[in-house]
Structures are given as structure tokens and as C-alpha cells.
């Protein structure tokens, strides 16, 4: 099944009209801490080890322990690339209601470096900086890992 693609404003509308939907932010913990879509939870797809990005070995374990497979997931990252990859992994793990946020939090750029799709932040959508229960370490603990 093709993974749905939406821009940030459409993602915000989906979240508003589907109160059970979850915005899954797959950026790194540092990126998430700098600001994230209000209400999002953070489970990084990758960790940035200096000069060497590495897959988060617990990504699917944390998501599957916290979110039932029938959950409507709106998946975002910085630009839409990591979140697309996360959607593909989640689909293989049995999640069916997946939507990738093109433009993510920071916007997608074209080959010239110009913004091709405005991100969540530049679209003036609700943002939070409060970590608490939405942060990866809290979610990892809640998942029992």
C-alpha cells in the first residue's frame, strides 16, 4: 500500500480531525528538544554519532510497545526523508495507517537549496519545547526498555 504524503498544514488538519492520531517525530533527541509539533512524541529513527549516523536499534520496539498497530500515525522528521524511511519500516512491521509529512519540521529543499516545501515551523503551526513524557527517554522507559 502506498504511504500517504501530506504537507505540514494538512498534517495539522489531520491531527485536529482525528483526536486518536499520533504525530511521531523521528528526528534525533537534540532536534526534538529544539522544538517540535505540539503534541508530538519522539522516537528517533537514527542517532547522530559524530560523523556517523546510526540506526536506532530500538526504534520498532519502542513504537510497537507504545502504539497499537491500528494507530493513525502522522510521521515527521526535519524534511520528510527520514520519516518516509520510518513509514516504510513501520509498514513492514504491520502498521497500516501511515502518513508521511513532506517538508517535516524544517522544510524540504530543492537541489539549489531553496525551500520546496515549507516545514511545520515555517508554516506557523503550533510548536512545543516542553519535553516531559513526549521525549524519547521517557517513552523508552514507559516501553520498558
N, C-alpha and C. Protein backbone atom coordinates (compact mmCIF):
# COMPACT_ATOMS: atom_id res chain seq x y z
N UNK A 1 0.85 -1.18 0.00
CA UNK A 1 0.00 0.00 0.00
C UNK A 1 0.89 1.24 0.00
N UNK A 2 0.53 2.23 -0.79
CA UNK A 2 1.31 3.46 -0.84
C UNK A 2 1.14 4.26 0.44
N UNK A 3 2.22 4.81 0.93
CA UNK A 3 2.19 5.63 2.13
C UNK A 3 1.68 7.02 1.75
N UNK A 4 0.68 7.50 2.47
CA UNK A 4 0.12 8.82 2.18
C UNK A 4 1.17 9.90 2.42
N UNK A 5 1.11 10.94 1.62
CA UNK A 5 2.03 12.07 1.72
C UNK A 5 1.22 13.34 1.93
N UNK A 6 1.58 14.12 2.96
CA UNK A 6 0.91 15.39 3.20
C UNK A 6 1.94 16.45 3.56
N UNK A 7 1.56 17.70 3.40
CA UNK A 7 2.41 18.80 3.84
C UNK A 7 2.02 19.14 5.28
N UNK A 8 2.86 19.91 6.00
CA UNK A 8 2.59 20.18 7.40
C UNK A 8 1.20 20.71 7.72
N UNK A 9 0.67 21.63 6.92
CA UNK A 9 -0.66 22.17 7.22
C UNK A 9 -1.72 21.08 7.12
N UNK A 10 -1.57 20.17 6.17
CA UNK A 10 -2.51 19.05 6.04
C UNK A 10 -2.36 18.09 7.23
N UNK A 11 -1.12 17.89 7.69
CA UNK A 11 -0.87 17.03 8.85
C UNK A 11 -1.56 17.62 10.08
N UNK A 12 -1.46 18.92 10.27
CA UNK A 12 -2.10 19.58 11.41
C UNK A 12 -3.61 19.40 11.35
N UNK A 13 -4.19 19.51 10.16
CA UNK A 13 -5.63 19.33 10.00
C UNK A 13 -6.03 17.88 10.30
N UNK A 14 -5.21 16.92 9.86
CA UNK A 14 -5.48 15.51 10.15
C UNK A 14 -5.47 15.25 11.66
N UNK A 15 -4.49 15.80 12.33
CA UNK A 15 -4.39 15.62 13.78
C UNK A 15 -5.59 16.23 14.50
N UNK A 16 -6.02 17.38 14.02
CA UNK A 16 -7.16 18.06 14.64
C UNK A 16 -8.45 17.28 14.43
N UNK A 17 -8.62 16.69 13.24
CA UNK A 17 -9.86 15.97 12.93
C UNK A 17 -9.83 14.52 13.41
N UNK A 18 -8.67 14.02 13.83
CA UNK A 18 -8.54 12.65 14.33
C UNK A 18 -7.87 12.68 15.70
N UNK A 19 -8.63 12.87 16.77
CA UNK A 19 -8.03 13.02 18.09
C UNK A 19 -7.19 11.83 18.55
N UNK A 20 -7.39 10.65 17.97
CA UNK A 20 -6.60 9.48 18.34
C UNK A 20 -5.33 9.34 17.52
N UNK A 21 -5.16 10.19 16.50
CA UNK A 21 -3.95 10.14 15.67
C UNK A 21 -2.76 10.61 16.49
N UNK A 22 -1.58 10.11 16.14
CA UNK A 22 -0.35 10.45 16.86
C UNK A 22 0.66 11.00 15.86
N UNK A 23 1.26 12.15 16.22
CA UNK A 23 2.38 12.67 15.43
C UNK A 23 3.64 12.04 16.01
N UNK A 24 4.28 11.20 15.22
CA UNK A 24 5.51 10.53 15.60
C UNK A 24 6.68 11.26 14.96
N UNK A 25 7.46 11.95 15.78
CA UNK A 25 8.61 12.71 15.30
C UNK A 25 9.83 11.79 15.40
N UNK A 26 10.46 11.50 14.26
CA UNK A 26 11.57 10.55 14.23
C UNK A 26 12.94 11.23 14.16
N UNK A 27 12.96 12.54 14.44
CA UNK A 27 14.24 13.25 14.47
C UNK A 27 15.05 12.84 15.69
N UNK A 28 16.28 13.29 15.75
CA UNK A 28 17.13 12.99 16.90
C UNK A 28 16.59 13.68 18.15
N UNK A 29 17.06 13.24 19.30
CA UNK A 29 16.62 13.84 20.56
C UNK A 29 16.98 15.33 20.61
N UNK A 30 18.16 15.70 20.12
CA UNK A 30 18.57 17.12 20.11
C UNK A 30 17.68 17.95 19.20
N UNK A 31 17.35 17.42 18.03
CA UNK A 31 16.46 18.15 17.11
C UNK A 31 15.10 18.34 17.75
N UNK A 32 14.58 17.30 18.38
CA UNK A 32 13.27 17.36 19.02
C UNK A 32 13.28 18.38 20.16
N UNK A 33 14.34 18.39 20.96
CA UNK A 33 14.44 19.30 22.10
C UNK A 33 14.45 20.76 21.66
N UNK A 34 14.89 21.03 20.44
CA UNK A 34 14.95 22.40 19.93
C UNK A 34 13.57 22.93 19.53
N UNK A 35 12.58 22.07 19.51
CA UNK A 35 11.22 22.45 19.13
C UNK A 35 10.58 21.36 18.30
N UNK A 36 9.29 21.15 18.52
CA UNK A 36 8.60 20.07 17.80
C UNK A 36 7.12 20.41 17.67
N UNK A 37 6.43 19.74 16.73
CA UNK A 37 5.00 19.97 16.60
C UNK A 37 4.29 19.66 17.92
N UNK A 38 3.48 20.57 18.39
CA UNK A 38 2.79 20.40 19.67
C UNK A 38 2.06 19.07 19.70
N UNK A 39 2.29 18.32 20.78
CA UNK A 39 1.64 17.03 20.96
C UNK A 39 2.41 15.85 20.40
N UNK A 40 3.45 16.10 19.65
CA UNK A 40 4.23 15.01 19.04
C UNK A 40 4.98 14.22 20.10
N UNK A 41 5.27 12.96 19.76
CA UNK A 41 6.15 12.14 20.58
C UNK A 41 7.41 11.86 19.77
N UNK A 42 8.52 11.64 20.46
CA UNK A 42 9.81 11.47 19.80
C UNK A 42 10.36 10.05 19.98
N UNK A 43 10.48 9.35 18.85
CA UNK A 43 11.20 8.09 18.81
C UNK A 43 12.15 8.20 17.62
N UNK A 44 13.43 8.52 17.89
CA UNK A 44 14.37 8.73 16.78
C UNK A 44 14.57 7.49 15.93
N UNK A 45 14.58 7.69 14.62
CA UNK A 45 14.91 6.61 13.70
C UNK A 45 16.42 6.38 13.71
N UNK A 46 17.16 7.49 13.84
CA UNK A 46 18.62 7.44 13.78
C UNK A 46 19.21 8.20 14.97
N UNK A 47 20.42 7.82 15.32
CA UNK A 47 21.22 8.59 16.27
C UNK A 47 22.38 9.17 15.49
N UNK A 48 22.75 10.41 15.80
CA UNK A 48 23.88 11.03 15.13
C UNK A 48 25.12 10.89 16.00
N UNK A 49 25.89 9.87 15.72
CA UNK A 49 27.18 9.68 16.36
C UNK A 49 28.13 10.54 15.53
N UNK A 50 28.98 11.37 16.14
CA UNK A 50 29.80 12.31 15.36
C UNK A 50 30.35 11.70 14.07
N UNK A 51 29.87 12.30 12.96
CA UNK A 51 30.32 11.90 11.64
C UNK A 51 29.76 10.58 11.14
N UNK A 52 28.85 9.97 11.90
CA UNK A 52 28.37 8.65 11.50
C UNK A 52 26.95 8.39 12.01
N UNK A 53 25.93 8.70 11.19
CA UNK A 53 24.57 8.41 11.63
C UNK A 53 24.36 6.89 11.77
N UNK A 54 23.66 6.48 12.84
CA UNK A 54 23.41 5.06 13.06
C UNK A 54 21.95 4.83 13.36
N UNK A 55 21.44 3.72 12.85
CA UNK A 55 20.06 3.32 13.08
C UNK A 55 19.81 3.13 14.57
N UNK A 56 18.67 3.58 15.06
CA UNK A 56 18.26 3.34 16.44
C UNK A 56 17.79 1.88 16.50
N UNK A 57 18.53 1.01 17.21
CA UNK A 57 18.14 -0.41 17.23
C UNK A 57 16.82 -0.67 17.95
N UNK A 58 16.35 0.29 18.74
CA UNK A 58 15.10 0.11 19.50
C UNK A 58 13.91 0.84 18.88
N UNK A 59 14.08 1.40 17.69
CA UNK A 59 13.00 2.19 17.07
C UNK A 59 11.69 1.40 17.03
N UNK A 60 11.68 0.26 16.37
CA UNK A 60 10.44 -0.51 16.24
C UNK A 60 9.95 -1.05 17.58
N UNK A 61 10.87 -1.42 18.45
CA UNK A 61 10.48 -1.96 19.75
C UNK A 61 9.73 -0.92 20.57
N UNK A 62 10.25 0.30 20.61
CA UNK A 62 9.60 1.36 21.39
C UNK A 62 8.23 1.69 20.78
N UNK A 63 8.20 1.89 19.46
CA UNK A 63 6.93 2.24 18.82
C UNK A 63 5.89 1.14 19.05
N UNK A 64 6.29 -0.12 18.85
CA UNK A 64 5.31 -1.20 18.95
C UNK A 64 4.82 -1.43 20.39
N UNK A 65 5.64 -1.10 21.39
CA UNK A 65 5.20 -1.25 22.77
C UNK A 65 4.27 -0.11 23.20
N UNK A 66 4.37 1.04 22.54
CA UNK A 66 3.58 2.20 22.94
C UNK A 66 2.34 2.43 22.08
N UNK A 67 2.41 2.04 20.82
CA UNK A 67 1.35 2.38 19.87
C UNK A 67 0.80 1.13 19.18
N UNK A 68 -0.48 0.84 19.37
CA UNK A 68 -1.07 -0.31 18.69
C UNK A 68 -0.97 -0.15 17.17
N UNK A 69 -0.94 -1.26 16.49
CA UNK A 69 -0.75 -1.26 15.03
C UNK A 69 -1.87 -0.54 14.28
N UNK A 70 -3.05 -0.40 14.89
CA UNK A 70 -4.15 0.30 14.21
C UNK A 70 -4.11 1.82 14.42
N UNK A 71 -3.12 2.32 15.16
CA UNK A 71 -3.00 3.76 15.40
C UNK A 71 -2.75 4.50 14.10
N UNK A 72 -3.44 5.62 13.93
CA UNK A 72 -3.17 6.50 12.78
C UNK A 72 -1.91 7.28 13.12
N UNK A 73 -0.84 7.03 12.37
CA UNK A 73 0.44 7.70 12.63
C UNK A 73 0.73 8.73 11.56
N UNK A 74 1.00 9.95 12.02
CA UNK A 74 1.48 11.04 11.17
C UNK A 74 2.97 11.12 11.51
N UNK A 75 3.84 10.79 10.56
CA UNK A 75 5.26 10.64 10.84
C UNK A 75 6.04 11.78 10.19
N UNK A 76 6.84 12.47 11.03
CA UNK A 76 7.62 13.60 10.52
C UNK A 76 9.05 13.58 11.01
N UNK A 77 9.89 14.30 10.29
CA UNK A 77 11.29 14.49 10.67
C UNK A 77 11.64 15.94 10.36
N UNK A 78 12.84 16.20 9.91
CA UNK A 78 13.24 17.57 9.59
C UNK A 78 12.72 17.98 8.22
N UNK A 79 12.85 17.08 7.22
CA UNK A 79 12.47 17.46 5.86
C UNK A 79 11.50 16.49 5.18
N UNK A 80 11.37 15.29 5.72
CA UNK A 80 10.47 14.31 5.12
C UNK A 80 11.16 13.04 4.65
N UNK A 81 12.49 13.02 4.63
CA UNK A 81 13.21 11.84 4.13
C UNK A 81 13.30 10.74 5.19
N UNK A 82 13.76 11.07 6.39
CA UNK A 82 13.83 10.05 7.45
C UNK A 82 12.44 9.52 7.80
N UNK A 83 11.46 10.41 7.79
CA UNK A 83 10.11 9.98 8.13
C UNK A 83 9.55 9.03 7.07
N UNK A 84 9.91 9.23 5.82
CA UNK A 84 9.48 8.30 4.77
C UNK A 84 10.09 6.93 5.04
N UNK A 85 11.36 6.92 5.38
CA UNK A 85 12.03 5.65 5.69
C UNK A 85 11.38 5.00 6.92
N UNK A 86 11.07 5.80 7.94
CA UNK A 86 10.40 5.27 9.13
C UNK A 86 9.04 4.67 8.77
N UNK A 87 8.29 5.36 7.91
CA UNK A 87 7.00 4.84 7.46
C UNK A 87 7.16 3.48 6.79
N UNK A 88 8.18 3.35 5.97
CA UNK A 88 8.42 2.07 5.27
C UNK A 88 8.72 0.96 6.29
N UNK A 89 9.53 1.27 7.31
CA UNK A 89 9.84 0.28 8.34
C UNK A 89 8.59 -0.07 9.14
N UNK A 90 7.80 0.94 9.48
CA UNK A 90 6.57 0.70 10.24
C UNK A 90 5.57 -0.11 9.44
N UNK A 91 5.48 0.16 8.15
CA UNK A 91 4.58 -0.61 7.29
C UNK A 91 4.98 -2.08 7.28
N UNK A 92 6.27 -2.34 7.17
CA UNK A 92 6.75 -3.73 7.19
C UNK A 92 6.47 -4.40 8.53
N UNK A 93 6.40 -3.60 9.60
CA UNK A 93 6.14 -4.13 10.94
C UNK A 93 4.64 -4.31 11.20
N UNK A 94 3.79 -3.97 10.23
CA UNK A 94 2.36 -4.20 10.37
C UNK A 94 1.49 -2.99 10.58
N UNK A 95 2.09 -1.79 10.63
CA UNK A 95 1.28 -0.56 10.75
C UNK A 95 0.71 -0.23 9.36
N UNK A 96 -0.56 0.10 9.31
CA UNK A 96 -1.20 0.32 8.02
C UNK A 96 -1.64 1.75 7.78
N UNK A 97 -1.94 2.50 8.83
CA UNK A 97 -2.46 3.86 8.67
C UNK A 97 -1.33 4.86 8.89
N UNK A 98 -0.50 5.00 7.85
CA UNK A 98 0.71 5.82 7.93
C UNK A 98 0.65 6.99 6.98
N UNK A 99 1.07 8.14 7.47
CA UNK A 99 1.13 9.34 6.65
C UNK A 99 2.48 10.00 6.88
N UNK A 100 3.21 10.26 5.81
CA UNK A 100 4.50 10.94 5.89
C UNK A 100 4.29 12.44 5.70
N UNK A 101 4.98 13.23 6.51
CA UNK A 101 4.88 14.69 6.41
C UNK A 101 6.02 15.20 5.53
N UNK A 102 5.68 15.53 4.28
CA UNK A 102 6.66 16.14 3.36
C UNK A 102 6.98 17.53 3.88
N UNK A 103 8.24 17.84 3.97
CA UNK A 103 8.64 19.15 4.49
C UNK A 103 8.94 19.10 5.97
N UNK A 104 8.41 18.08 6.66
CA UNK A 104 8.70 17.86 8.07
C UNK A 104 8.63 19.11 8.93
N UNK A 105 9.56 19.21 9.84
CA UNK A 105 9.61 20.34 10.77
C UNK A 105 10.33 21.54 10.16
N UNK A 106 11.40 21.27 9.42
CA UNK A 106 12.25 22.35 8.94
C UNK A 106 12.11 22.71 7.47
N UNK A 107 11.33 21.96 6.71
CA UNK A 107 11.15 22.25 5.30
C UNK A 107 12.04 21.39 4.41
N UNK A 108 11.54 21.12 3.21
CA UNK A 108 12.30 20.36 2.22
C UNK A 108 12.89 21.35 1.22
N UNK A 109 14.12 21.09 0.84
CA UNK A 109 14.82 21.99 -0.09
C UNK A 109 15.04 21.30 -1.43
N UNK A 110 15.10 22.12 -2.49
CA UNK A 110 15.39 21.57 -3.81
C UNK A 110 16.91 21.52 -4.00
N UNK A 111 17.34 21.12 -5.18
CA UNK A 111 18.77 20.95 -5.45
C UNK A 111 19.55 22.25 -5.32
N UNK A 112 18.88 23.39 -5.47
CA UNK A 112 19.54 24.69 -5.35
C UNK A 112 19.57 25.20 -3.91
N UNK A 113 18.94 24.46 -3.00
CA UNK A 113 18.91 24.88 -1.60
C UNK A 113 17.72 25.75 -1.25
N UNK A 114 16.84 25.98 -2.23
CA UNK A 114 15.64 26.77 -1.96
C UNK A 114 14.56 25.89 -1.34
N UNK A 115 13.73 26.48 -0.49
CA UNK A 115 12.67 25.71 0.14
C UNK A 115 11.64 25.31 -0.91
N UNK A 116 11.44 24.00 -1.04
CA UNK A 116 10.47 23.45 -1.99
C UNK A 116 9.14 23.21 -1.28
N UNK A 117 9.20 22.81 -0.01
CA UNK A 117 8.01 22.59 0.81
C UNK A 117 8.28 23.20 2.17
N UNK A 118 7.42 24.13 2.58
CA UNK A 118 7.58 24.75 3.91
C UNK A 118 7.38 23.72 5.00
N UNK A 119 8.20 23.81 6.03
CA UNK A 119 8.10 22.90 7.16
C UNK A 119 7.08 23.37 8.18
N UNK A 120 6.87 22.55 9.20
CA UNK A 120 5.93 22.84 10.28
C UNK A 120 6.23 24.19 10.91
N UNK A 121 7.51 24.41 11.23
CA UNK A 121 7.92 25.65 11.91
C UNK A 121 7.61 26.88 11.06
N UNK A 122 7.96 26.84 9.78
CA UNK A 122 7.75 27.99 8.89
C UNK A 122 6.29 28.17 8.48
N UNK A 123 5.47 27.16 8.76
CA UNK A 123 4.04 27.24 8.45
C UNK A 123 3.25 27.83 9.61
N UNK A 124 3.98 28.26 10.66
CA UNK A 124 3.35 28.87 11.84
C UNK A 124 2.32 27.96 12.50
N UNK A 125 2.65 26.67 12.55
CA UNK A 125 1.78 25.71 13.22
C UNK A 125 2.22 25.58 14.68
N UNK A 126 1.37 25.06 15.56
CA UNK A 126 1.70 25.00 16.99
C UNK A 126 2.98 24.20 17.28
N UNK A 127 3.84 24.80 18.09
CA UNK A 127 5.14 24.22 18.44
C UNK A 127 5.25 24.13 19.95
N UNK A 128 5.98 23.12 20.42
CA UNK A 128 6.25 22.98 21.85
C UNK A 128 7.75 22.79 22.06
N UNK A 129 8.20 23.14 23.26
CA UNK A 129 9.58 22.90 23.68
C UNK A 129 9.63 22.11 24.98
N UNK A 130 8.43 21.78 25.52
CA UNK A 130 8.34 21.03 26.76
C UNK A 130 8.60 19.55 26.46
N UNK A 131 9.59 18.97 27.08
CA UNK A 131 9.92 17.58 26.78
C UNK A 131 9.07 16.60 27.57
N UNK A 132 9.26 16.49 28.85
CA UNK A 132 8.43 15.63 29.67
C UNK A 132 8.20 14.25 29.09
N UNK A 133 6.93 13.84 29.08
CA UNK A 133 6.55 12.49 28.65
C UNK A 133 6.66 12.29 27.14
N UNK A 134 6.86 13.35 26.36
CA UNK A 134 6.94 13.24 24.91
C UNK A 134 8.36 12.91 24.43
N UNK A 135 9.35 13.07 25.31
CA UNK A 135 10.75 12.87 24.95
C UNK A 135 11.09 11.39 24.87
N UNK A 136 12.08 11.08 24.07
CA UNK A 136 12.45 9.69 23.81
C UNK A 136 12.79 8.91 25.07
N UNK A 137 13.59 9.46 25.95
CA UNK A 137 14.00 8.69 27.14
C UNK A 137 12.78 8.34 28.01
N UNK A 138 11.83 9.24 28.13
CA UNK A 138 10.62 8.96 28.91
C UNK A 138 9.81 7.86 28.22
N UNK A 139 9.70 7.93 26.89
CA UNK A 139 8.94 6.93 26.14
C UNK A 139 9.64 5.57 26.19
N UNK A 140 10.95 5.58 26.12
CA UNK A 140 11.73 4.34 26.19
C UNK A 140 11.50 3.66 27.54
N UNK A 141 11.50 4.45 28.60
CA UNK A 141 11.25 3.91 29.93
C UNK A 141 9.82 3.35 30.02
N UNK A 142 8.87 4.10 29.50
CA UNK A 142 7.46 3.66 29.50
C UNK A 142 7.31 2.34 28.74
N UNK A 143 8.11 2.17 27.69
CA UNK A 143 8.07 0.94 26.89
C UNK A 143 8.78 -0.23 27.58
N UNK A 144 9.45 0.07 28.70
CA UNK A 144 10.15 -0.98 29.43
C UNK A 144 11.49 -1.36 28.86
N UNK A 145 12.10 -0.43 28.14
CA UNK A 145 13.42 -0.72 27.54
C UNK A 145 14.52 0.10 28.22
